[in-house]
N, C-alpha and C. Protein backbone atom coordinates (compact mmCIF):
# COMPACT_ATOMS: atom_id res chain seq x y z
N MET A 1 23.64 -6.61 14.81
CA MET A 1 23.10 -5.32 14.42
C MET A 1 23.36 -4.31 15.55
N ASN A 2 23.84 -3.14 15.18
CA ASN A 2 24.14 -2.14 16.20
C ASN A 2 22.86 -1.53 16.77
N GLN A 3 22.99 -0.94 17.95
CA GLN A 3 21.80 -0.43 18.65
C GLN A 3 21.15 0.74 17.93
N TYR A 4 21.91 1.52 17.19
CA TYR A 4 21.36 2.68 16.47
C TYR A 4 20.43 2.21 15.36
N LEU A 5 20.86 1.20 14.63
CA LEU A 5 20.05 0.63 13.56
C LEU A 5 18.88 -0.15 14.14
N ALA A 6 19.12 -0.89 15.20
CA ALA A 6 18.04 -1.68 15.82
C ALA A 6 16.90 -0.79 16.31
N ASN A 7 17.23 0.40 16.81
CA ASN A 7 16.21 1.33 17.30
C ASN A 7 15.35 1.88 16.17
N LYS A 8 15.90 1.95 14.95
CA LYS A 8 15.17 2.53 13.82
C LYS A 8 14.64 1.47 12.85
N GLN A 9 14.90 0.20 13.13
CA GLN A 9 14.51 -0.86 12.22
C GLN A 9 13.00 -0.87 11.97
N LEU A 10 12.22 -0.54 12.98
CA LEU A 10 10.77 -0.50 12.86
C LEU A 10 10.33 0.53 11.82
N ASP A 11 11.02 1.68 11.76
CA ASP A 11 10.69 2.72 10.78
C ASP A 11 10.86 2.21 9.35
N PHE A 12 11.93 1.45 9.12
CA PHE A 12 12.15 0.88 7.79
C PHE A 12 11.01 -0.08 7.43
N SER A 13 10.67 -0.95 8.36
CA SER A 13 9.61 -1.94 8.12
C SER A 13 8.26 -1.28 7.92
N GLN A 14 7.98 -0.25 8.72
CA GLN A 14 6.69 0.44 8.58
C GLN A 14 6.57 1.14 7.23
N ALA A 15 7.65 1.70 6.74
CA ALA A 15 7.62 2.36 5.43
C ALA A 15 7.28 1.35 4.34
N LEU A 16 7.89 0.17 4.41
CA LEU A 16 7.61 -0.87 3.41
C LEU A 16 6.17 -1.39 3.52
N GLU A 17 5.69 -1.59 4.74
CA GLU A 17 4.31 -2.07 4.93
C GLU A 17 3.30 -1.04 4.43
N PHE A 18 3.58 0.23 4.69
CA PHE A 18 2.69 1.29 4.20
C PHE A 18 2.65 1.28 2.68
N PHE A 19 3.81 1.10 2.04
CA PHE A 19 3.87 1.04 0.58
C PHE A 19 3.04 -0.13 0.07
N LYS A 20 3.17 -1.28 0.71
CA LYS A 20 2.41 -2.46 0.27
C LYS A 20 0.91 -2.23 0.38
N LYS A 21 0.48 -1.57 1.46
CA LYS A 21 -0.94 -1.27 1.62
C LYS A 21 -1.41 -0.25 0.58
N GLU A 22 -0.58 0.75 0.32
CA GLU A 22 -0.92 1.78 -0.67
C GLU A 22 -1.09 1.19 -2.06
N ILE A 23 -0.18 0.32 -2.46
CA ILE A 23 -0.26 -0.21 -3.83
C ILE A 23 -1.32 -1.29 -3.96
N ALA A 24 -1.75 -1.86 -2.85
CA ALA A 24 -2.82 -2.87 -2.93
C ALA A 24 -4.11 -2.24 -3.45
N THR A 25 -4.27 -0.94 -3.24
CA THR A 25 -5.49 -0.27 -3.69
C THR A 25 -5.42 0.10 -5.17
N LEU A 26 -4.25 -0.01 -5.79
CA LEU A 26 -4.16 0.26 -7.23
C LEU A 26 -4.81 -0.89 -7.98
N ARG A 27 -5.66 -0.54 -8.91
CA ARG A 27 -6.42 -1.54 -9.65
C ARG A 27 -5.55 -2.20 -10.71
N THR A 28 -5.63 -3.50 -10.78
CA THR A 28 -4.99 -4.24 -11.86
C THR A 28 -6.11 -4.79 -12.73
N GLY A 29 -5.80 -5.61 -13.68
CA GLY A 29 -6.83 -6.18 -14.55
C GLY A 29 -7.67 -7.23 -13.86
N ARG A 30 -7.28 -7.65 -12.66
CA ARG A 30 -8.00 -8.70 -11.94
C ARG A 30 -8.77 -8.11 -10.77
N ALA A 31 -9.83 -8.79 -10.39
CA ALA A 31 -10.64 -8.36 -9.26
C ALA A 31 -9.84 -8.54 -7.97
N ASN A 32 -9.84 -7.51 -7.13
CA ASN A 32 -9.11 -7.56 -5.87
C ASN A 32 -9.89 -6.74 -4.85
N PRO A 33 -10.34 -7.35 -3.75
CA PRO A 33 -11.13 -6.60 -2.77
C PRO A 33 -10.37 -5.43 -2.13
N ALA A 34 -9.05 -5.40 -2.25
CA ALA A 34 -8.26 -4.31 -1.66
C ALA A 34 -8.58 -2.96 -2.30
N VAL A 35 -9.15 -2.95 -3.52
CA VAL A 35 -9.49 -1.67 -4.14
C VAL A 35 -10.57 -0.95 -3.36
N LEU A 36 -11.28 -1.66 -2.49
CA LEU A 36 -12.37 -1.06 -1.70
C LEU A 36 -11.89 -0.54 -0.35
N GLU A 37 -10.59 -0.65 -0.06
CA GLU A 37 -10.04 -0.27 1.24
C GLU A 37 -10.46 1.11 1.72
N GLY A 38 -10.37 2.12 0.87
CA GLY A 38 -10.63 3.49 1.31
C GLY A 38 -12.08 3.91 1.22
N VAL A 39 -12.97 3.02 0.77
CA VAL A 39 -14.37 3.39 0.58
C VAL A 39 -15.10 3.37 1.92
N GLN A 40 -15.75 4.49 2.24
CA GLN A 40 -16.52 4.62 3.48
C GLN A 40 -18.01 4.68 3.16
N VAL A 41 -18.79 3.90 3.87
CA VAL A 41 -20.23 3.81 3.66
C VAL A 41 -20.95 4.38 4.88
N GLU A 42 -21.97 5.21 4.61
CA GLU A 42 -22.77 5.72 5.72
C GLU A 42 -23.79 4.65 6.10
N ALA A 43 -23.68 4.17 7.32
CA ALA A 43 -24.62 3.16 7.82
C ALA A 43 -24.87 3.46 9.29
N TYR A 44 -26.14 3.53 9.64
CA TYR A 44 -26.53 3.80 11.02
C TYR A 44 -25.99 5.14 11.50
N GLU A 45 -25.99 6.11 10.60
CA GLU A 45 -25.60 7.49 10.84
C GLU A 45 -24.12 7.69 11.16
N ILE A 46 -23.28 6.69 10.86
CA ILE A 46 -21.83 6.86 10.99
C ILE A 46 -21.16 6.28 9.74
N MET A 47 -19.93 6.71 9.48
CA MET A 47 -19.19 6.21 8.33
C MET A 47 -18.45 4.93 8.73
N ASN A 48 -18.56 3.92 7.87
CA ASN A 48 -17.93 2.62 8.11
C ASN A 48 -17.19 2.18 6.85
N PRO A 49 -16.12 1.39 7.01
CA PRO A 49 -15.51 0.81 5.82
C PRO A 49 -16.47 -0.22 5.22
N VAL A 50 -16.34 -0.47 3.93
CA VAL A 50 -17.25 -1.40 3.25
C VAL A 50 -17.25 -2.77 3.92
N ASN A 51 -16.08 -3.25 4.32
CA ASN A 51 -16.02 -4.59 4.91
C ASN A 51 -16.65 -4.67 6.29
N ALA A 52 -17.05 -3.53 6.86
CA ALA A 52 -17.73 -3.53 8.15
C ALA A 52 -19.25 -3.64 8.00
N VAL A 53 -19.75 -3.44 6.77
CA VAL A 53 -21.20 -3.49 6.57
C VAL A 53 -21.63 -4.65 5.67
N GLY A 54 -20.66 -5.41 5.17
CA GLY A 54 -21.02 -6.52 4.31
C GLY A 54 -19.85 -7.44 4.04
N ASN A 55 -20.18 -8.56 3.43
CA ASN A 55 -19.19 -9.56 3.07
C ASN A 55 -18.70 -9.29 1.65
N ILE A 56 -17.40 -9.24 1.45
CA ILE A 56 -16.82 -8.98 0.14
C ILE A 56 -16.17 -10.27 -0.35
N SER A 57 -16.52 -10.68 -1.57
CA SER A 57 -15.90 -11.88 -2.12
C SER A 57 -15.61 -11.68 -3.60
N VAL A 58 -14.61 -12.41 -4.08
CA VAL A 58 -14.24 -12.37 -5.49
C VAL A 58 -14.77 -13.66 -6.11
N THR A 59 -15.65 -13.52 -7.10
CA THR A 59 -16.25 -14.70 -7.71
C THR A 59 -15.44 -15.20 -8.90
N ASP A 60 -14.86 -14.30 -9.67
CA ASP A 60 -13.98 -14.68 -10.77
C ASP A 60 -12.98 -13.55 -10.99
N ALA A 61 -12.20 -13.64 -12.03
CA ALA A 61 -11.12 -12.67 -12.25
C ALA A 61 -11.61 -11.25 -12.50
N ARG A 62 -12.89 -11.09 -12.84
CA ARG A 62 -13.41 -9.77 -13.19
C ARG A 62 -14.59 -9.33 -12.33
N SER A 63 -14.95 -10.07 -11.27
CA SER A 63 -16.13 -9.70 -10.47
C SER A 63 -15.87 -9.74 -8.98
N ILE A 64 -16.43 -8.73 -8.30
CA ILE A 64 -16.41 -8.68 -6.83
C ILE A 64 -17.87 -8.59 -6.41
N ILE A 65 -18.25 -9.38 -5.42
CA ILE A 65 -19.61 -9.37 -4.91
C ILE A 65 -19.58 -8.83 -3.48
N ILE A 66 -20.49 -7.90 -3.18
CA ILE A 66 -20.65 -7.39 -1.82
C ILE A 66 -22.06 -7.74 -1.37
N VAL A 67 -22.15 -8.52 -0.30
CA VAL A 67 -23.45 -8.90 0.26
C VAL A 67 -23.55 -8.22 1.63
N PRO A 68 -24.42 -7.20 1.73
CA PRO A 68 -24.53 -6.50 3.02
C PRO A 68 -25.20 -7.39 4.07
N TRP A 69 -24.80 -7.20 5.31
CA TRP A 69 -25.42 -7.95 6.40
C TRP A 69 -26.81 -7.41 6.69
N ASP A 70 -27.00 -6.15 6.41
CA ASP A 70 -28.32 -5.53 6.58
C ASP A 70 -28.71 -4.93 5.22
N LYS A 71 -29.78 -5.45 4.65
CA LYS A 71 -30.19 -5.04 3.29
C LYS A 71 -30.52 -3.55 3.20
N SER A 72 -30.79 -2.91 4.33
CA SER A 72 -31.15 -1.48 4.30
C SER A 72 -29.97 -0.58 3.93
N VAL A 73 -28.75 -1.08 4.00
CA VAL A 73 -27.57 -0.27 3.65
C VAL A 73 -27.09 -0.52 2.21
N LEU A 74 -27.83 -1.33 1.47
CA LEU A 74 -27.45 -1.67 0.10
C LEU A 74 -27.28 -0.43 -0.77
N LYS A 75 -28.25 0.47 -0.73
CA LYS A 75 -28.19 1.70 -1.53
C LYS A 75 -27.00 2.57 -1.12
N ASN A 76 -26.73 2.63 0.18
CA ASN A 76 -25.60 3.44 0.67
C ASN A 76 -24.27 2.87 0.20
N ILE A 77 -24.16 1.53 0.15
CA ILE A 77 -22.94 0.90 -0.34
C ILE A 77 -22.75 1.25 -1.82
N GLU A 78 -23.83 1.10 -2.58
CA GLU A 78 -23.78 1.41 -4.01
C GLU A 78 -23.35 2.87 -4.22
N LYS A 79 -23.96 3.78 -3.47
CA LYS A 79 -23.66 5.21 -3.60
C LYS A 79 -22.19 5.49 -3.26
N ALA A 80 -21.69 4.88 -2.18
CA ALA A 80 -20.31 5.11 -1.74
C ALA A 80 -19.31 4.63 -2.79
N ILE A 81 -19.59 3.49 -3.40
CA ILE A 81 -18.67 2.95 -4.41
C ILE A 81 -18.67 3.82 -5.66
N ILE A 82 -19.84 4.28 -6.06
CA ILE A 82 -19.93 5.15 -7.23
C ILE A 82 -19.19 6.46 -6.96
N GLU A 83 -19.38 7.04 -5.77
CA GLU A 83 -18.71 8.30 -5.42
C GLU A 83 -17.20 8.14 -5.29
N ALA A 84 -16.74 6.93 -4.95
CA ALA A 84 -15.29 6.69 -4.81
C ALA A 84 -14.58 6.71 -6.16
N ASN A 85 -15.36 6.60 -7.24
CA ASN A 85 -14.81 6.70 -8.59
C ASN A 85 -13.63 5.76 -8.80
N LEU A 86 -13.87 4.47 -8.57
CA LEU A 86 -12.83 3.46 -8.67
C LEU A 86 -12.66 2.91 -10.08
N GLY A 87 -13.55 3.31 -10.98
CA GLY A 87 -13.47 2.79 -12.34
C GLY A 87 -14.07 1.41 -12.47
N LEU A 88 -14.94 1.04 -11.54
CA LEU A 88 -15.57 -0.28 -11.56
C LEU A 88 -17.03 -0.14 -12.00
N GLY A 89 -17.54 -1.16 -12.68
CA GLY A 89 -18.95 -1.19 -13.02
C GLY A 89 -19.73 -1.63 -11.80
N VAL A 90 -20.77 -0.87 -11.41
CA VAL A 90 -21.54 -1.17 -10.20
C VAL A 90 -22.95 -1.58 -10.60
N VAL A 91 -23.37 -2.79 -10.18
CA VAL A 91 -24.70 -3.29 -10.48
C VAL A 91 -25.37 -3.71 -9.17
N ASN A 92 -26.50 -3.07 -8.88
CA ASN A 92 -27.29 -3.43 -7.70
C ASN A 92 -28.24 -4.54 -8.10
N GLU A 93 -28.07 -5.74 -7.52
CA GLU A 93 -28.89 -6.89 -7.88
C GLU A 93 -30.02 -7.13 -6.88
N GLY A 94 -30.33 -6.14 -6.06
CA GLY A 94 -31.44 -6.27 -5.11
C GLY A 94 -31.01 -6.76 -3.74
N ASP A 95 -30.23 -7.85 -3.69
CA ASP A 95 -29.77 -8.37 -2.41
C ASP A 95 -28.25 -8.31 -2.28
N LYS A 96 -27.58 -7.94 -3.36
CA LYS A 96 -26.12 -7.82 -3.34
C LYS A 96 -25.71 -6.83 -4.42
N ILE A 97 -24.43 -6.42 -4.34
CA ILE A 97 -23.88 -5.52 -5.35
C ILE A 97 -22.77 -6.27 -6.07
N ARG A 98 -22.83 -6.24 -7.38
CA ARG A 98 -21.80 -6.87 -8.21
C ARG A 98 -20.94 -5.75 -8.81
N LEU A 99 -19.65 -5.86 -8.60
CA LEU A 99 -18.70 -4.91 -9.18
C LEU A 99 -17.96 -5.63 -10.30
N SER A 100 -18.00 -5.06 -11.48
CA SER A 100 -17.25 -5.67 -12.58
C SER A 100 -16.01 -4.84 -12.84
N VAL A 101 -14.90 -5.53 -12.98
CA VAL A 101 -13.61 -4.89 -13.19
C VAL A 101 -13.35 -4.87 -14.69
N PRO A 102 -13.42 -3.69 -15.31
CA PRO A 102 -13.17 -3.63 -16.76
C PRO A 102 -11.70 -3.89 -17.07
N ALA A 103 -11.47 -4.37 -18.27
CA ALA A 103 -10.08 -4.58 -18.70
C ALA A 103 -9.40 -3.21 -18.79
N LEU A 104 -8.14 -3.18 -18.43
CA LEU A 104 -7.39 -1.94 -18.47
C LEU A 104 -6.95 -1.61 -19.89
N THR A 105 -7.06 -0.36 -20.26
CA THR A 105 -6.54 0.08 -21.55
C THR A 105 -5.05 0.37 -21.38
N GLU A 106 -4.35 0.52 -22.48
CA GLU A 106 -2.92 0.82 -22.42
C GLU A 106 -2.69 2.14 -21.69
N GLU A 107 -3.56 3.11 -21.93
CA GLU A 107 -3.45 4.41 -21.26
C GLU A 107 -3.62 4.26 -19.75
N ASN A 108 -4.62 3.46 -19.33
CA ASN A 108 -4.85 3.22 -17.90
C ASN A 108 -3.63 2.55 -17.26
N ARG A 109 -3.08 1.58 -17.97
CA ARG A 109 -1.92 0.85 -17.45
C ARG A 109 -0.74 1.80 -17.22
N LYS A 110 -0.51 2.68 -18.17
CA LYS A 110 0.61 3.62 -18.05
C LYS A 110 0.38 4.59 -16.89
N GLU A 111 -0.87 5.04 -16.72
CA GLU A 111 -1.20 5.95 -15.61
C GLU A 111 -1.00 5.24 -14.26
N LEU A 112 -1.45 3.98 -14.16
CA LEU A 112 -1.28 3.23 -12.93
C LEU A 112 0.20 2.98 -12.64
N ALA A 113 0.97 2.69 -13.68
CA ALA A 113 2.42 2.49 -13.51
C ALA A 113 3.08 3.78 -13.03
N ARG A 114 2.62 4.93 -13.54
CA ARG A 114 3.16 6.22 -13.11
C ARG A 114 2.84 6.46 -11.64
N ARG A 115 1.58 6.20 -11.25
CA ARG A 115 1.19 6.38 -9.84
C ARG A 115 1.97 5.43 -8.93
N LEU A 116 2.21 4.21 -9.40
CA LEU A 116 3.00 3.24 -8.64
C LEU A 116 4.41 3.78 -8.42
N SER A 117 5.00 4.35 -9.46
CA SER A 117 6.36 4.91 -9.34
C SER A 117 6.39 6.08 -8.37
N GLU A 118 5.34 6.91 -8.36
CA GLU A 118 5.27 8.03 -7.42
C GLU A 118 5.22 7.52 -5.98
N LYS A 119 4.40 6.51 -5.75
CA LYS A 119 4.29 5.94 -4.39
C LYS A 119 5.62 5.32 -3.96
N MET A 120 6.30 4.67 -4.91
CA MET A 120 7.59 4.08 -4.59
C MET A 120 8.60 5.16 -4.22
N GLU A 121 8.59 6.26 -4.96
CA GLU A 121 9.55 7.33 -4.69
C GLU A 121 9.31 7.93 -3.30
N LYS A 122 8.05 8.09 -2.91
CA LYS A 122 7.75 8.60 -1.56
C LYS A 122 8.27 7.64 -0.50
N THR A 123 8.15 6.35 -0.75
CA THR A 123 8.64 5.35 0.21
C THR A 123 10.16 5.38 0.26
N ARG A 124 10.80 5.55 -0.89
CA ARG A 124 12.27 5.65 -0.92
C ARG A 124 12.74 6.84 -0.09
N ILE A 125 12.01 7.93 -0.18
CA ILE A 125 12.35 9.12 0.61
C ILE A 125 12.24 8.81 2.10
N SER A 126 11.18 8.09 2.49
CA SER A 126 11.01 7.70 3.90
C SER A 126 12.17 6.82 4.36
N LEU A 127 12.55 5.87 3.52
CA LEU A 127 13.67 4.99 3.87
C LEU A 127 14.97 5.78 3.98
N ARG A 128 15.17 6.73 3.07
CA ARG A 128 16.37 7.55 3.10
C ARG A 128 16.42 8.41 4.36
N GLN A 129 15.26 8.96 4.75
CA GLN A 129 15.21 9.78 5.96
C GLN A 129 15.54 8.95 7.19
N ALA A 130 15.01 7.73 7.25
CA ALA A 130 15.32 6.85 8.39
C ALA A 130 16.81 6.52 8.42
N ARG A 131 17.39 6.26 7.24
CA ARG A 131 18.81 5.98 7.15
C ARG A 131 19.64 7.18 7.61
N ASP A 132 19.24 8.37 7.16
CA ASP A 132 19.97 9.58 7.54
C ASP A 132 19.91 9.83 9.04
N GLU A 133 18.76 9.54 9.65
CA GLU A 133 18.63 9.72 11.11
C GLU A 133 19.58 8.80 11.85
N VAL A 134 19.64 7.54 11.42
CA VAL A 134 20.55 6.58 12.07
C VAL A 134 21.99 7.01 11.88
N LYS A 135 22.33 7.43 10.66
CA LYS A 135 23.71 7.85 10.38
C LYS A 135 24.11 9.05 11.23
N SER A 136 23.20 10.01 11.39
CA SER A 136 23.53 11.18 12.20
C SER A 136 23.69 10.80 13.68
N LYS A 137 22.91 9.84 14.15
CA LYS A 137 23.07 9.38 15.55
C LYS A 137 24.41 8.68 15.74
N ILE A 138 24.81 7.89 14.74
CA ILE A 138 26.12 7.22 14.83
C ILE A 138 27.24 8.25 14.85
N GLU A 139 27.14 9.24 13.97
CA GLU A 139 28.18 10.28 13.93
C GLU A 139 28.19 11.11 15.20
N ALA A 140 27.01 11.38 15.76
CA ALA A 140 26.95 12.12 17.03
C ALA A 140 27.57 11.32 18.16
N ALA A 141 27.35 10.00 18.15
CA ALA A 141 27.95 9.14 19.18
C ALA A 141 29.47 9.13 19.04
N TYR A 142 29.97 9.16 17.82
CA TYR A 142 31.42 9.19 17.60
C TYR A 142 32.00 10.51 18.10
N ILE A 143 31.33 11.63 17.79
CA ILE A 143 31.80 12.95 18.23
C ILE A 143 31.80 13.04 19.76
N ALA A 144 30.78 12.41 20.39
CA ALA A 144 30.69 12.42 21.85
C ALA A 144 31.61 11.38 22.49
N LYS A 145 32.41 10.71 21.67
CA LYS A 145 33.38 9.70 22.13
C LYS A 145 32.69 8.49 22.79
N GLU A 146 31.44 8.21 22.38
CA GLU A 146 30.73 7.03 22.90
C GLU A 146 31.12 5.77 22.14
N ILE A 147 31.57 5.95 20.89
CA ILE A 147 32.02 4.82 20.07
C ILE A 147 33.34 5.18 19.41
N SER A 148 34.09 4.15 19.04
CA SER A 148 35.39 4.39 18.38
C SER A 148 35.18 4.67 16.90
N GLU A 149 36.24 5.10 16.24
CA GLU A 149 36.16 5.38 14.81
C GLU A 149 35.89 4.09 14.04
N ASP A 150 36.51 2.99 14.48
CA ASP A 150 36.26 1.69 13.83
C ASP A 150 34.79 1.30 13.94
N ASP A 151 34.23 1.49 15.14
CA ASP A 151 32.80 1.19 15.33
C ASP A 151 31.95 2.07 14.44
N LYS A 152 32.30 3.33 14.34
CA LYS A 152 31.54 4.27 13.50
C LYS A 152 31.47 3.75 12.06
N PHE A 153 32.63 3.40 11.50
CA PHE A 153 32.66 2.94 10.11
C PHE A 153 31.95 1.58 9.96
N ARG A 154 32.11 0.71 10.94
CA ARG A 154 31.43 -0.59 10.90
C ARG A 154 29.91 -0.41 10.96
N PHE A 155 29.44 0.48 11.85
CA PHE A 155 28.01 0.74 11.99
C PHE A 155 27.43 1.36 10.72
N ILE A 156 28.17 2.29 10.13
CA ILE A 156 27.69 2.94 8.90
C ILE A 156 27.65 1.94 7.75
N LYS A 157 28.65 1.07 7.69
CA LYS A 157 28.64 0.03 6.64
C LYS A 157 27.43 -0.90 6.84
N GLU A 158 27.19 -1.29 8.06
CA GLU A 158 26.04 -2.14 8.37
C GLU A 158 24.73 -1.44 8.01
N LEU A 159 24.66 -0.16 8.30
CA LEU A 159 23.47 0.64 7.97
C LEU A 159 23.27 0.70 6.46
N ASP A 160 24.35 0.94 5.71
CA ASP A 160 24.24 1.02 4.26
C ASP A 160 23.79 -0.31 3.66
N GLU A 161 24.32 -1.41 4.19
CA GLU A 161 23.90 -2.73 3.70
C GLU A 161 22.43 -2.98 3.99
N PHE A 162 21.99 -2.60 5.18
CA PHE A 162 20.59 -2.78 5.58
C PHE A 162 19.68 -1.92 4.69
N ALA A 163 20.06 -0.67 4.47
CA ALA A 163 19.26 0.25 3.65
C ALA A 163 19.19 -0.26 2.21
N THR A 164 20.29 -0.77 1.70
CA THR A 164 20.30 -1.32 0.34
C THR A 164 19.36 -2.52 0.25
N LYS A 165 19.38 -3.37 1.27
CA LYS A 165 18.50 -4.55 1.30
C LYS A 165 17.03 -4.11 1.28
N LYS A 166 16.69 -3.10 2.07
CA LYS A 166 15.31 -2.61 2.12
C LYS A 166 14.90 -1.96 0.80
N ASN A 167 15.82 -1.23 0.18
CA ASN A 167 15.53 -0.63 -1.13
C ASN A 167 15.33 -1.70 -2.20
N ASP A 168 16.11 -2.77 -2.13
CA ASP A 168 15.94 -3.87 -3.08
C ASP A 168 14.59 -4.55 -2.88
N GLU A 169 14.20 -4.71 -1.61
CA GLU A 169 12.89 -5.30 -1.30
C GLU A 169 11.77 -4.42 -1.85
N LEU A 170 11.91 -3.12 -1.67
CA LEU A 170 10.93 -2.16 -2.20
C LEU A 170 10.83 -2.27 -3.71
N LYS A 171 11.97 -2.35 -4.37
CA LYS A 171 12.01 -2.44 -5.82
C LYS A 171 11.33 -3.73 -6.31
N SER A 172 11.56 -4.83 -5.63
CA SER A 172 10.96 -6.10 -6.07
C SER A 172 9.44 -6.08 -5.87
N VAL A 173 8.95 -5.45 -4.80
CA VAL A 173 7.50 -5.32 -4.58
C VAL A 173 6.90 -4.48 -5.70
N LYS A 174 7.57 -3.39 -6.03
CA LYS A 174 7.10 -2.50 -7.10
C LYS A 174 7.07 -3.23 -8.44
N GLU A 175 8.12 -4.00 -8.73
CA GLU A 175 8.19 -4.71 -10.00
C GLU A 175 7.09 -5.76 -10.12
N ARG A 176 6.78 -6.46 -9.02
CA ARG A 176 5.68 -7.44 -9.04
C ARG A 176 4.35 -6.75 -9.33
N LYS A 177 4.11 -5.62 -8.68
CA LYS A 177 2.86 -4.91 -8.89
C LYS A 177 2.79 -4.35 -10.31
N GLU A 178 3.91 -3.84 -10.80
CA GLU A 178 3.95 -3.29 -12.15
C GLU A 178 3.67 -4.40 -13.17
N GLN A 179 4.18 -5.59 -12.91
CA GLN A 179 3.93 -6.73 -13.79
C GLN A 179 2.44 -7.07 -13.78
N ASP A 180 1.80 -7.02 -12.61
CA ASP A 180 0.35 -7.27 -12.52
C ASP A 180 -0.43 -6.22 -13.31
N ILE A 181 0.01 -4.96 -13.22
CA ILE A 181 -0.68 -3.88 -13.92
C ILE A 181 -0.55 -4.04 -15.43
N MET A 182 0.65 -4.37 -15.89
CA MET A 182 0.91 -4.44 -17.33
C MET A 182 0.42 -5.75 -17.97
N GLU A 183 0.10 -6.74 -17.14
CA GLU A 183 -0.37 -8.02 -17.65
C GLU A 183 -1.74 -7.87 -18.31
N ILE A 184 -1.86 -8.42 -19.50
CA ILE A 184 -3.12 -8.30 -20.24
C ILE A 184 -3.96 -9.54 -20.03
């Protein structure tokens, strides 16, 4: 791998990891604690993520249980989840909160698939920008006579192959998630 691509390889990987984290929060028909990632709960006069104030577990395909470590924050957890508008049923059972994941309607599935495609397109743009930066550095090195014309073409070919591989990886991640969303 050439040094220009090696220097930017982290950007490609970070774009894919960010995409994976983003789509983990998209709700599928199954219970997944990742849907609670962005929920902030006020506890002890500061905002905390849900997993910092309680234990989150999945009991079956349609239920998530949150057991707070301190029972005094139970109401705050319930309030934060309701305000996050995640489309989950919230039941306060006194010592824990049960979240029920309703079955997705066809309309919901199509909306989630659309949002998934939007997130994928943003990631593709990030990958394209990283590719363009590497390509411009290779071309600048050629103009500055730091590399030969053969090296320039070899480096660009290597870059294109790497970018194609990353785009294929992105597409397969998206297809797996889309399959989870569309699964009844």
